[in-house]
Amino acid sequence: MIGYGFIYTVTGAVFAAYALLSLANRANPKRWGNAAFYGLLAVSFLLGELLGDVGNGLLVLGLVAIAGTGAMGRGAPDGVVDDERRTGEAAVRGNWLFAPALIVPATALVGTLLFPHLPGLVDPKQVTLVSLTIGVLLALTVNYVWLRPRATTPFVEGVRLMDAVGWAAVLPQMLASLGAVFALAGVGGVVGNLIGGAIPHGSLIAAVVAYAIGMAGFTIVMGNAFAAFPVMFAAIGMPLLIGQYHGDAAVIAAVGMLAGFCGTLLTPMAANFNLVPAALLDLKDKSAVIRAQVPTALPLLAANAAFLYWMGFP
């Protein structure tokens, strides 16, 4: 049955290729740090189950040490397509260049709907991730057949983008794991006791507002709404909104996540959304993306709180 093993193998192989290409790139003065970082990520995906908890913990400390000491840097990798050629091919192929990118979400959608009807083929819990991975491989194959690049070109371009983003590329994964740790440590209960004492007894509106703002606030701190959700759901969502006020669990969970996503727009901790675009566009103001999103995030948070109150308690 296809599941996490397939996904981790593909991802690990890509990071292993990045490590080798970084090591061979003598134009990058910090190539050893980049190669070590990508190599450790490859080991994590390919051999993580064999390393055990202690081994994986040491691996994470190694990643932190590389990133924290500034051992990573950007270079000019060999094999990157030059701007003149890139512009010329774009002019010839036009909007068809977007087709391979659309293959990925289309495959993910089709696979998510199709695989549940093929029992025994794909792990039912992982159909979307497996479909997404298949979509990436299919898009890569189409690019090779259609554009006929050198075998290493997609990976060289991948290294270029990863070098531009740096260690922040793995921040969302780390923060999501932190949310699971917080949930197991009972942080939600502690937060619930603190917030519960501040919410007026019997005030549904106050509980809803506290939940929405808490989701956004924890997301700002942790950088990931998926990390904030188990904490706030255990603190307010389950005991108050569902247990005491008998709210609709589906609405409370879904709209609560949307409130958390408003916090995603406001924090540098959400590196994949807010720091990566600034890095790729070489913006002088690294907070420019966040500044542009504030006028959207705050009214949207208020709207989500209102939706939660109106639709969550029929």
Protein backbone atom coordinates (compact mmCIF):
# COMPACT_ATOMS: atom_id res chain seq x y z
CA MET A 1 0.00 0.00 0.00
CA ILE A 2 1.38 3.38 -1.03
CA GLY A 3 1.74 5.82 1.85
CA TYR A 4 4.26 7.87 3.75
CA GLY A 5 7.14 5.65 2.62
CA PHE A 6 6.66 6.66 -1.02
CA ILE A 7 6.37 10.36 -0.15
CA TYR A 8 9.42 10.34 2.11
CA THR A 9 11.52 8.43 -0.42
CA VAL A 10 10.81 10.92 -3.21
CA THR A 11 11.41 13.91 -0.92
CA GLY A 12 14.58 12.42 0.52
CA ALA A 13 15.94 11.68 -2.95
CA VAL A 14 15.37 15.30 -3.99
CA PHE A 15 17.20 16.65 -0.94
CA ALA A 16 20.03 14.17 -1.53
CA ALA A 17 20.38 15.56 -5.06
CA TYR A 18 20.40 19.08 -3.64
CA ALA A 19 23.18 18.09 -1.22
CA LEU A 20 25.35 16.65 -4.00
CA LEU A 21 24.80 19.63 -6.29
CA SER A 22 25.60 22.04 -3.45
CA LEU A 23 28.79 20.16 -2.68
CA ALA A 24 29.86 20.37 -6.31
CA ASN A 25 29.15 24.10 -6.57
CA ARG A 26 32.52 25.71 -5.98
CA ALA A 27 31.08 29.15 -6.74
CA ASN A 28 29.30 29.09 -3.39
CA PRO A 29 31.71 29.87 -0.52
CA LYS A 30 29.33 28.19 1.92
CA ARG A 31 28.72 25.09 -0.13
CA TRP A 32 29.70 22.77 2.74
CA GLY A 33 27.04 24.22 5.00
CA ASN A 34 24.37 24.00 2.32
CA ALA A 35 25.35 20.44 1.46
CA ALA A 36 25.28 19.41 5.12
CA PHE A 37 21.86 21.00 5.66
CA TYR A 38 20.26 19.34 2.64
CA GLY A 39 22.07 16.10 3.42
CA LEU A 40 20.64 15.99 6.94
CA LEU A 41 17.16 16.62 5.55
CA ALA A 42 17.68 13.75 3.10
CA VAL A 43 18.74 11.45 5.95
CA SER A 44 15.69 12.51 7.95
CA PHE A 45 13.28 11.55 5.17
CA LEU A 46 15.07 8.42 4.01
CA LEU A 47 16.25 6.95 7.33
CA GLY A 48 14.19 8.72 9.96
CA GLU A 49 12.42 5.58 11.16
CA LEU A 50 15.74 3.82 11.67
CA LEU A 51 17.30 6.68 13.65
CA GLY A 52 14.80 6.62 16.51
CA ASP A 53 13.78 9.55 18.67
CA VAL A 54 17.27 10.35 19.94
CA GLY A 55 18.82 10.13 16.49
CA ASN A 56 16.18 12.37 14.96
CA GLY A 57 16.55 14.81 17.84
CA LEU A 58 20.29 15.05 17.24
CA LEU A 59 19.62 15.51 13.53
CA VAL A 60 17.32 18.45 14.24
CA LEU A 61 19.96 19.97 16.51
CA GLY A 62 22.40 19.63 13.64
CA LEU A 63 20.03 21.51 11.34
CA VAL A 64 19.63 24.24 13.95
CA ALA A 65 23.39 24.49 14.43
CA ILE A 66 24.00 24.89 10.70
CA ALA A 67 21.30 27.53 10.34
CA GLY A 68 22.13 29.34 13.57
CA THR A 69 25.82 29.71 12.82
CA GLY A 70 25.20 31.23 9.39
CA ALA A 71 26.85 28.32 7.63
CA MET A 72 24.44 28.52 4.69
CA GLY A 73 24.74 30.95 1.80
CA ARG A 74 23.86 31.63 -1.80
CA GLY A 75 26.06 30.98 -4.76
CA ALA A 76 25.75 30.84 -8.54
CA PRO A 77 25.10 27.15 -9.22
CA ASP A 78 26.36 25.64 -12.45
CA GLY A 79 23.69 24.83 -15.01
CA VAL A 80 21.18 27.57 -14.15
CA VAL A 81 19.35 28.71 -17.27
CA ASP A 82 20.46 32.24 -18.17
CA ASP A 83 17.93 35.07 -18.27
CA GLU A 84 18.20 35.61 -22.03
CA ARG A 85 17.42 32.00 -22.83
CA ARG A 86 14.66 31.92 -20.23
CA THR A 87 13.02 35.02 -21.72
CA GLY A 88 13.32 33.66 -25.25
CA GLU A 89 11.70 30.33 -24.41
CA ALA A 90 8.94 32.07 -22.48
CA ALA A 91 8.13 34.21 -25.51
CA VAL A 92 7.93 31.14 -27.75
CA ARG A 93 5.87 28.89 -25.48
CA GLY A 94 3.64 31.56 -23.99
CA ASN A 95 1.05 30.65 -21.41
CA TRP A 96 1.52 26.94 -22.09
CA LEU A 97 4.41 27.16 -19.63
CA PHE A 98 1.80 27.16 -16.87
CA ALA A 99 0.48 23.75 -17.94
CA PRO A 100 3.05 21.66 -16.02
CA ALA A 101 2.38 23.68 -12.87
CA LEU A 102 -1.35 22.98 -13.21
CA ILE A 103 -0.69 19.25 -13.53
CA VAL A 104 0.26 19.10 -9.84
CA PRO A 105 -3.02 20.37 -8.30
CA ALA A 106 -5.09 18.61 -10.97
CA THR A 107 -3.45 15.27 -10.16
CA ALA A 108 -3.86 15.89 -6.44
CA LEU A 109 -7.59 16.53 -6.94
CA VAL A 110 -8.18 13.55 -9.22
CA GLY A 111 -6.17 11.21 -7.00
CA THR A 112 -7.95 12.35 -3.85
CA LEU A 113 -11.30 11.53 -5.45
CA LEU A 114 -10.20 8.35 -7.27
CA PHE A 115 -7.92 6.42 -4.90
CA PRO A 116 -10.54 5.84 -2.18
CA HIS A 117 -12.43 3.77 -4.79
CA LEU A 118 -9.35 1.58 -5.38
CA PRO A 119 -9.01 -0.19 -2.01
CA GLY A 120 -5.61 -1.54 -1.09
CA LEU A 121 -3.66 0.70 -3.44
CA VAL A 122 -3.11 3.88 -1.40
CA ASP A 123 -3.25 4.45 2.34
CA PRO A 124 -6.70 6.04 2.87
CA LYS A 125 -5.22 8.56 5.30
CA GLN A 126 -2.59 9.75 2.82
CA VAL A 127 -4.43 9.89 -0.51
CA THR A 128 -3.99 13.64 -0.94
CA LEU A 129 -0.25 13.68 -0.15
CA VAL A 130 0.37 10.64 -2.34
CA SER A 131 -1.61 12.23 -5.17
CA LEU A 132 0.33 15.47 -4.75
CA THR A 133 3.65 13.60 -4.97
CA ILE A 134 2.50 11.73 -8.07
CA GLY A 135 1.48 15.06 -9.57
CA VAL A 136 4.96 16.47 -9.01
CA LEU A 137 6.58 13.44 -10.65
CA LEU A 138 4.14 13.60 -13.56
CA ALA A 139 4.79 17.33 -14.09
CA LEU A 140 8.54 16.70 -13.99
CA THR A 141 8.18 13.96 -16.61
CA VAL A 142 6.12 16.23 -18.87
CA ASN A 143 8.78 18.94 -18.57
CA TYR A 144 11.54 16.52 -19.52
CA VAL A 145 9.62 15.30 -22.59
CA TRP A 146 8.39 18.74 -23.68
CA LEU A 147 11.22 21.13 -22.82
CA ARG A 148 14.09 18.62 -23.06
CA PRO A 149 16.35 20.22 -20.45
CA ARG A 150 19.54 18.64 -19.19
CA ALA A 151 18.89 15.91 -16.65
CA THR A 152 20.18 18.03 -13.79
CA THR A 153 18.48 21.32 -14.74
CA PRO A 154 15.30 20.92 -12.61
CA PHE A 155 17.38 20.05 -9.58
CA VAL A 156 19.87 22.86 -10.17
CA GLU A 157 16.98 25.31 -10.36
CA GLY A 158 15.56 23.74 -7.22
CA VAL A 159 18.84 24.31 -5.39
CA ARG A 160 18.86 27.92 -6.56
CA LEU A 161 15.42 28.52 -5.05
CA MET A 162 16.24 26.63 -1.86
CA ASP A 163 19.45 28.62 -1.42
CA ALA A 164 17.45 31.83 -1.83
CA VAL A 165 15.01 30.76 0.88
CA GLY A 166 17.64 29.17 3.14
CA TRP A 167 16.88 27.45 6.43
CA ALA A 168 13.45 29.13 6.63
CA ALA A 169 12.15 26.56 4.14
CA VAL A 170 11.81 23.96 6.91
CA LEU A 171 10.42 26.35 9.52
CA PRO A 172 6.74 25.45 8.86
CA GLN A 173 7.49 21.76 9.34
CA MET A 174 9.31 22.43 12.60
CA LEU A 175 6.54 24.67 13.94
CA ALA A 176 3.83 22.15 13.04
CA SER A 177 5.74 19.55 15.04
CA LEU A 178 5.97 22.02 17.91
CA GLY A 179 2.18 22.26 17.95
CA ALA A 180 1.92 18.50 18.44
CA VAL A 181 4.46 18.68 21.27
CA PHE A 182 2.49 21.48 22.94
CA ALA A 183 -0.71 19.44 22.70
CA LEU A 184 0.92 16.38 24.28
CA ALA A 185 2.41 18.55 27.01
CA GLY A 186 -1.02 19.84 28.01
CA VAL A 187 -0.41 23.46 27.03
CA GLY A 188 -4.02 23.71 25.86
CA GLY A 189 -5.31 22.98 29.35
CA VAL A 190 -3.04 25.58 30.91
CA VAL A 191 -4.06 28.20 28.36
CA GLY A 192 -7.70 27.27 28.86
CA ASN A 193 -7.46 27.87 32.61
CA LEU A 194 -5.85 31.27 32.06
CA ILE A 195 -8.28 32.44 29.40
CA GLY A 196 -11.28 30.88 31.13
CA GLY A 197 -10.74 33.11 34.12
CA ALA A 198 -10.79 36.21 31.91
CA ILE A 199 -13.94 35.33 29.96
CA PRO A 200 -17.16 36.57 31.64
CA HIS A 201 -19.23 33.61 32.77
CA GLY A 202 -22.03 32.83 30.33
CA SER A 203 -20.80 35.18 27.61
CA LEU A 204 -20.79 33.30 24.31
CA ILE A 205 -19.58 36.34 22.37
CA ALA A 206 -16.57 36.74 24.65
CA ALA A 207 -15.70 33.04 24.25
CA VAL A 208 -15.97 33.25 20.46
CA VAL A 209 -13.81 36.38 20.30
CA ALA A 210 -11.22 34.83 22.63
CA TYR A 211 -11.09 31.70 20.48
CA ALA A 212 -10.71 33.62 17.20
CA ILE A 213 -8.12 36.05 18.55
CA GLY A 214 -6.33 33.23 20.36
CA MET A 215 -6.06 31.23 17.13
CA ALA A 216 -4.61 34.25 15.33
CA GLY A 217 -2.33 35.12 18.26
CA PHE A 218 -0.90 31.62 18.67
CA THR A 219 -0.41 31.41 14.92
CA ILE A 220 1.57 34.67 15.02
CA VAL A 221 3.80 33.19 17.73
CA MET A 222 4.14 29.71 16.23
CA GLY A 223 3.96 30.64 12.55
CA ASN A 224 1.51 27.90 11.66
CA ALA A 225 -2.25 27.64 12.21
CA PHE A 226 -1.97 23.86 12.29
CA ALA A 227 0.35 24.23 15.26
CA ALA A 228 -1.95 26.69 17.02
CA PHE A 229 -5.13 24.68 16.49
CA PRO A 230 -4.56 21.80 18.95
CA VAL A 231 -3.69 24.30 21.68
CA MET A 232 -6.67 26.63 21.22
CA PHE A 233 -9.14 23.86 20.47
CA ALA A 234 -8.18 22.13 23.70
CA ALA A 235 -8.22 25.44 25.59
CA ILE A 236 -11.48 27.02 24.36
CA GLY A 237 -12.97 25.19 21.40
CA MET A 238 -13.75 21.87 23.03
CA PRO A 239 -14.50 22.76 26.68
CA LEU A 240 -16.36 26.05 26.11
CA LEU A 241 -17.69 26.44 22.58
CA ILE A 242 -18.65 22.79 22.14
CA GLY A 243 -18.95 21.44 25.68
CA GLN A 244 -20.63 24.39 27.39
CA TYR A 245 -22.37 26.23 24.53
CA HIS A 246 -23.08 23.15 22.34
CA GLY A 247 -21.63 24.64 19.16
CA ASP A 248 -21.24 22.86 15.83
CA ALA A 249 -17.86 21.15 16.03
CA ALA A 250 -17.26 21.25 12.26
CA VAL A 251 -17.89 25.00 12.05
CA ILE A 252 -15.84 25.75 15.14
CA ALA A 253 -12.89 23.76 13.81
CA ALA A 254 -13.05 25.07 10.22
CA VAL A 255 -13.66 28.75 10.97
CA GLY A 256 -11.16 28.58 13.82
CA MET A 257 -8.52 27.52 11.32
CA LEU A 258 -9.50 30.43 9.08
CA ALA A 259 -9.01 32.78 12.03
CA GLY A 260 -5.59 31.24 12.54
CA PHE A 261 -4.71 31.85 8.90
CA CYS A 262 -5.33 35.56 9.52
CA GLY A 263 -2.43 35.36 11.96
CA THR A 264 -0.34 33.71 9.25
CA LEU A 265 -0.57 36.94 7.26
CA LEU A 266 0.91 38.91 10.15
CA THR A 267 3.99 37.00 11.23
CA PRO A 268 7.54 36.46 9.95
CA MET A 269 7.38 33.05 11.61
CA ALA A 270 5.23 31.96 8.64
CA ALA A 271 8.36 31.98 6.55
CA ASN A 272 6.93 30.15 3.55
CA PHE A 273 4.28 32.85 3.09
CA ASN A 274 6.01 36.03 4.23
CA LEU A 275 9.79 35.66 4.13
CA VAL A 276 10.16 33.45 1.08
CA PRO A 277 8.51 35.94 -1.35
CA ALA A 278 10.65 38.75 0.03
CA ALA A 279 13.78 36.64 -0.46
CA LEU A 280 12.87 35.50 -3.97
CA LEU A 281 12.02 39.04 -5.06
CA ASP A 282 15.11 40.51 -3.36
CA LEU A 283 12.99 43.06 -1.49
CA LYS A 284 14.98 45.47 0.68
CA ASP A 285 12.21 45.52 3.29
CA LYS A 286 11.89 41.93 4.47
CA SER A 287 8.59 42.82 6.18
CA ALA A 288 7.06 44.33 3.04
CA VAL A 289 4.81 41.33 2.44
CA ILE A 290 3.47 41.47 6.00
CA ARG A 291 2.86 45.21 5.81
CA ALA A 292 0.83 44.75 2.64
CA GLN A 293 -1.28 42.04 4.25
CA VAL A 294 -2.24 43.82 7.49
CA PRO A 295 -5.23 45.72 5.98
CA THR A 296 -6.61 42.37 4.80
CA ALA A 297 -5.80 40.25 7.83
CA LEU A 298 -7.47 42.35 10.55
CA PRO A 299 -10.90 42.82 8.89
CA LEU A 300 -10.82 39.17 7.85
CA LEU A 301 -10.21 38.11 11.45
CA ALA A 302 -13.21 40.17 12.58
CA ALA A 303 -15.32 38.60 9.81
CA ASN A 304 -14.30 35.08 10.87
CA ALA A 305 -15.27 35.81 14.47
CA ALA A 306 -18.68 37.00 13.25
CA PHE A 307 -19.14 33.92 11.05
CA LEU A 308 -18.18 31.69 13.95
CA TYR A 309 -20.80 33.29 16.18
CA TRP A 310 -23.59 33.25 13.56
CA MET A 311 -23.05 29.82 12.02
CA GLY A 312 -21.50 27.83 14.84
CA PHE A 313 -24.41 28.00 17.25
CA PRO A 314 -27.70 27.20 15.47
